[in-house]
């Protein structure tokens, strides 16, 4: 009886309100990108949002179009990330954007991002790259560059016989260099020669660099100390290295 009354009311003269709202076909909704789409962002802006979630860093130099869209729609992208308890950090001076997991003692925050620590070899390479970058910038040089051989020569001095053969140690250093190249921290300009980008300052702050250098000096001067393990060297594995989805 109630259903009949509602239908009768809906069909009453002068009442144009439909009893039910028919779904809009995708072809009649130009803003929909796929069936059932409830998103409000344009396709290009959505792609930038996905890139932010996928990558550790978004670099203005290597992705100028995406960087431009990020700046134009920064507030909206920040809002979408905040809905996931993720914070967007945009460093305009260095042209770098990255995300951080929101953590709070007062709020129960589900963790979306996981920390992925740099390995010992990667950390040692980072320390050397950061030292060279700081030295060159302080000297007024516009950029800093290194050769893979000089990186190896320095980093291998911190390995011991228990770290495997010299060949395996060299492979570890080369693998570390390859990862940092993929992340945009360094860029191979010619075979075996890399330019160090300003991202190194974000990944390894001056304070953390001093801590690591002090720790490495202690390891070097203490001849009786056992070789340093990864857990001791992975001081850089916080904040900005965070970026993989759980």
Protein backbone atom coordinates (compact mmCIF):
# COMPACT_ATOMS: atom_id res chain seq x y z
CA UNK A 1 0.00 0.00 0.00
CA UNK A 2 2.86 2.33 0.86
CA UNK A 3 4.67 1.60 -2.41
CA UNK A 4 1.52 2.28 -4.40
CA UNK A 5 0.97 5.55 -2.60
CA UNK A 6 4.54 6.68 -3.32
CA UNK A 7 4.16 5.82 -6.96
CA UNK A 8 0.89 7.65 -7.14
CA UNK A 9 2.42 10.71 -5.52
CA UNK A 10 5.32 10.62 -7.95
CA UNK A 11 2.93 10.48 -10.90
CA UNK A 12 0.60 13.16 -9.53
CA UNK A 13 -0.08 16.10 -11.84
CA UNK A 14 2.35 18.95 -11.44
CA UNK A 15 5.05 16.75 -9.80
CA UNK A 16 7.97 16.24 -12.19
CA UNK A 17 10.21 14.49 -9.61
CA UNK A 18 11.01 10.96 -10.82
CA UNK A 19 10.52 8.07 -8.41
CA UNK A 20 14.03 6.84 -9.18
CA UNK A 21 17.17 8.49 -10.59
CA UNK A 22 18.31 6.63 -13.65
CA UNK A 23 22.08 6.16 -13.94
CA UNK A 24 23.79 8.30 -16.53
CA UNK A 25 25.37 6.32 -19.32
CA UNK A 26 29.10 6.81 -19.65
CA UNK A 27 28.74 8.14 -23.18
CA UNK A 28 26.44 10.85 -21.80
CA UNK A 29 28.83 11.83 -19.00
CA UNK A 30 31.93 13.34 -20.64
CA UNK A 31 33.73 13.68 -17.29
CA UNK A 32 33.67 9.95 -16.58
CA UNK A 33 36.87 8.14 -17.54
CA UNK A 34 35.53 4.64 -17.01
CA UNK A 35 32.31 2.88 -16.03
CA UNK A 36 31.26 3.83 -12.52
CA UNK A 37 33.83 6.65 -12.32
CA UNK A 38 33.17 8.92 -9.34
CA UNK A 39 36.45 10.83 -9.53
CA UNK A 40 36.53 14.57 -10.00
CA UNK A 41 40.10 15.07 -11.22
CA UNK A 42 41.07 15.36 -14.86
CA UNK A 43 42.91 12.39 -16.32
CA UNK A 44 46.28 14.16 -16.41
CA UNK A 45 45.99 15.26 -12.79
CA UNK A 46 45.07 11.73 -11.74
CA UNK A 47 48.20 10.46 -13.46
CA UNK A 48 50.32 12.91 -11.47
CA UNK A 49 48.66 11.70 -8.28
CA UNK A 50 49.45 8.11 -9.23
CA UNK A 51 53.07 9.04 -10.02
CA UNK A 52 53.40 10.60 -6.57
CA UNK A 53 52.14 7.37 -5.02
CA UNK A 54 54.29 5.16 -7.23
CA UNK A 55 57.61 6.97 -7.02
CA UNK A 56 59.76 8.10 -4.16
CA UNK A 57 60.31 11.47 -5.81
CA UNK A 58 58.90 13.62 -8.59
CA UNK A 59 61.58 15.82 -10.12
CA UNK A 60 60.87 19.04 -11.97
CA UNK A 61 63.96 18.62 -14.12
CA UNK A 62 63.14 15.15 -15.44
CA UNK A 63 59.33 15.48 -15.45
CA UNK A 64 58.55 19.12 -16.29
CA UNK A 65 54.99 18.49 -17.53
CA UNK A 66 54.02 16.52 -14.44
CA UNK A 67 55.71 19.10 -12.21
CA UNK A 68 53.69 21.90 -13.82
CA UNK A 69 50.44 19.99 -13.27
CA UNK A 70 51.42 19.27 -9.69
CA UNK A 71 51.92 22.95 -8.92
CA UNK A 72 48.71 23.94 -10.69
CA UNK A 73 46.64 21.38 -8.76
CA UNK A 74 48.74 21.06 -5.61
CA UNK A 75 45.92 21.75 -3.18
CA UNK A 76 43.64 19.13 -4.72
CA UNK A 77 46.42 16.52 -4.87
CA UNK A 78 47.35 17.26 -1.27
CA UNK A 79 43.73 16.78 -0.28
CA UNK A 80 43.57 13.37 -1.96
CA UNK A 81 46.80 12.27 -0.26
CA UNK A 82 45.67 13.59 3.12
CA UNK A 83 42.56 11.43 2.81
CA UNK A 84 45.02 8.50 2.84
CA UNK A 85 46.98 9.90 5.83
CA UNK A 86 49.84 10.80 3.51
CA UNK A 87 51.54 14.20 3.43
CA UNK A 88 52.87 15.86 0.27
CA UNK A 89 56.15 17.76 0.52
CA UNK A 90 57.04 20.14 -2.32
CA UNK A 91 60.53 21.65 -2.31
CA UNK A 92 60.26 24.46 -4.86
CA UNK A 93 63.88 25.57 -4.61
CA UNK A 94 65.20 22.10 -5.48
CA UNK A 95 62.32 21.13 -7.76
CA UNK A 96 61.51 17.99 -5.79
CA UNK A 97 58.21 16.60 -4.50
CA UNK A 98 57.80 13.53 -2.33
CA UNK A 99 55.36 12.00 0.11
CA UNK A 100 55.54 11.14 3.80
CA UNK A 101 53.47 8.81 5.92
CA UNK A 102 51.50 10.72 8.54
CA UNK A 103 52.24 9.33 12.00
CA UNK A 104 50.60 10.42 15.22
CA UNK A 105 50.53 9.36 18.86
CA UNK A 106 47.08 10.90 19.31
CA UNK A 107 45.43 9.42 16.23
CA UNK A 108 45.07 5.84 15.06
CA UNK A 109 46.64 6.13 11.61
CA UNK A 110 46.60 3.15 9.22
CA UNK A 111 50.01 2.84 7.59
CA UNK A 112 49.92 2.95 3.80
CA UNK A 113 53.62 3.51 3.13
CA UNK A 114 56.48 1.39 4.34
CA UNK A 115 60.06 2.37 5.04
CA UNK A 116 62.57 0.73 2.75
CA UNK A 117 66.02 1.16 4.23
CA UNK A 118 69.04 1.71 2.06
CA UNK A 119 71.52 -1.13 2.22
CA UNK A 120 74.95 -0.63 3.71
CA UNK A 121 76.55 -0.28 0.29
CA UNK A 122 73.89 2.22 -0.79
CA UNK A 123 74.36 4.23 2.38
CA UNK A 124 78.13 4.36 1.92
CA UNK A 125 77.70 5.51 -1.67
CA UNK A 126 75.23 8.16 -0.52
CA UNK A 127 77.71 9.44 2.07
CA UNK A 128 80.41 9.80 -0.56
CA UNK A 129 78.08 11.48 -3.06
CA UNK A 130 76.81 13.89 -0.42
CA UNK A 131 80.35 14.77 0.63
CA UNK A 132 81.39 15.50 -2.96
CA UNK A 133 78.22 17.51 -3.60
CA UNK A 134 78.72 19.62 -0.49
CA UNK A 135 82.38 20.24 -1.31
CA UNK A 136 81.67 21.31 -4.88
CA UNK A 137 78.71 23.55 -4.01
CA UNK A 138 80.68 25.20 -1.20
CA UNK A 139 83.50 25.85 -3.66
CA UNK A 140 81.04 27.65 -5.94
CA UNK A 141 80.82 24.95 -8.57
CA UNK A 142 77.43 24.87 -10.23
CA UNK A 143 77.23 21.08 -10.20
CA UNK A 144 79.04 18.02 -8.91
CA UNK A 145 80.11 14.95 -10.87
CA UNK A 146 81.77 11.65 -10.01
CA UNK A 147 83.19 8.69 -11.88
CA UNK A 148 82.13 5.20 -10.89
CA UNK A 149 85.77 4.22 -10.33
CA UNK A 150 86.34 6.93 -7.73
CA UNK A 151 83.11 5.99 -5.95
CA UNK A 152 84.24 2.37 -5.81
CA UNK A 153 87.73 3.30 -4.67
CA UNK A 154 86.41 5.20 -1.66
CA UNK A 155 83.47 2.99 -0.69
CA UNK A 156 85.42 -0.27 -0.89
CA UNK A 157 87.77 0.97 1.85
CA UNK A 158 84.89 0.47 4.31
CA UNK A 159 84.45 -3.20 3.41
CA UNK A 160 86.33 -6.05 5.06
CA UNK A 161 87.15 -9.63 4.07
CA UNK A 162 84.00 -10.84 5.81
CA UNK A 163 81.95 -8.80 3.33
CA UNK A 164 82.83 -11.26 0.55
CA UNK A 165 85.22 -11.18 -2.34
CA UNK A 166 86.37 -7.96 -3.92
CA UNK A 167 84.27 -8.82 -6.98
CA UNK A 168 81.11 -9.21 -4.89
CA UNK A 169 81.87 -5.95 -3.09
CA UNK A 170 82.24 -4.16 -6.42
CA UNK A 171 78.93 -5.62 -7.58
CA UNK A 172 77.27 -4.30 -4.40
CA UNK A 173 78.62 -0.81 -5.11
CA UNK A 174 77.55 -0.93 -8.76
CA UNK A 175 74.08 -2.13 -7.74
CA UNK A 176 73.85 0.75 -5.26
CA UNK A 177 74.82 3.24 -7.96
CA UNK A 178 72.17 1.80 -10.29
CA UNK A 179 69.44 2.21 -7.68
CA UNK A 180 70.40 5.80 -6.93
CA UNK A 181 70.41 6.48 -10.68
CA UNK A 182 66.88 5.08 -11.01
CA UNK A 183 65.68 7.23 -8.12
CA UNK A 184 67.07 10.38 -9.76
CA UNK A 185 69.67 11.09 -7.07
CA UNK A 186 72.38 10.82 -9.70
CA UNK A 187 72.19 10.89 -13.49
CA UNK A 188 74.55 9.13 -15.86
CA UNK A 189 75.75 11.72 -18.38
CA UNK A 190 78.25 9.45 -20.10
CA UNK A 191 79.37 5.89 -19.49
CA UNK A 192 80.57 5.63 -15.91
CA UNK A 193 80.25 9.35 -15.16
CA UNK A 194 77.38 10.72 -13.08
CA UNK A 195 76.05 14.13 -12.16
CA UNK A 196 74.89 14.43 -8.54
CA UNK A 197 71.51 16.14 -8.30
CA UNK A 198 70.19 18.36 -5.49
CA UNK A 199 67.98 15.49 -4.36
CA UNK A 200 70.99 14.21 -2.44
CA UNK A 201 70.47 17.03 0.08
CA UNK A 202 66.96 15.79 0.84
CA UNK A 203 67.86 12.11 1.06
CA UNK A 204 70.88 12.82 3.25
CA UNK A 205 70.67 15.96 5.36
CA UNK A 206 73.79 17.74 6.59
CA UNK A 207 73.05 16.58 10.13
CA UNK A 208 72.70 12.94 9.13
CA UNK A 209 75.83 13.22 7.01
CA UNK A 210 77.81 14.38 10.04
CA UNK A 211 76.46 11.50 12.11
CA UNK A 212 77.39 8.96 9.46
CA UNK A 213 80.84 10.46 8.89
CA UNK A 214 81.52 10.40 12.63
CA UNK A 215 80.39 6.79 12.79
CA UNK A 216 82.54 5.83 9.78
CA UNK A 217 85.57 7.56 11.30
CA UNK A 218 85.09 5.54 14.48
CA UNK A 219 84.89 2.34 12.46
CA UNK A 220 88.05 3.25 10.56
CA UNK A 221 90.15 4.29 13.56
CA UNK A 222 89.05 1.35 15.72
CA UNK A 223 91.08 -1.40 14.11
CA UNK A 224 89.73 -4.01 16.49
CA UNK A 225 86.08 -3.27 15.79
CA UNK A 226 84.05 -5.78 13.79
CA UNK A 227 82.92 -4.68 10.35
CA UNK A 228 79.89 -2.39 10.42
CA UNK A 229 76.59 -4.04 9.67
CA UNK A 230 73.69 -2.66 7.70
CA UNK A 231 71.55 -1.87 10.73
CA UNK A 232 74.16 0.57 11.96
CA UNK A 233 74.62 2.33 8.65
CA UNK A 234 70.98 2.66 7.66
CA UNK A 235 70.47 5.96 9.44
CA UNK A 236 69.25 7.53 6.21
CA UNK A 237 66.30 5.17 5.90
CA UNK A 238 63.71 7.47 7.37
CA UNK A 239 61.26 10.01 5.98
CA UNK A 240 62.32 10.72 2.44
CA UNK A 241 63.25 7.16 1.54
CA UNK A 242 59.75 6.17 2.53
CA UNK A 243 57.60 5.62 -0.49
CA UNK A 244 56.66 2.03 -1.23
CA UNK A 245 53.06 1.01 -0.79
CA UNK A 246 52.55 -1.58 1.93
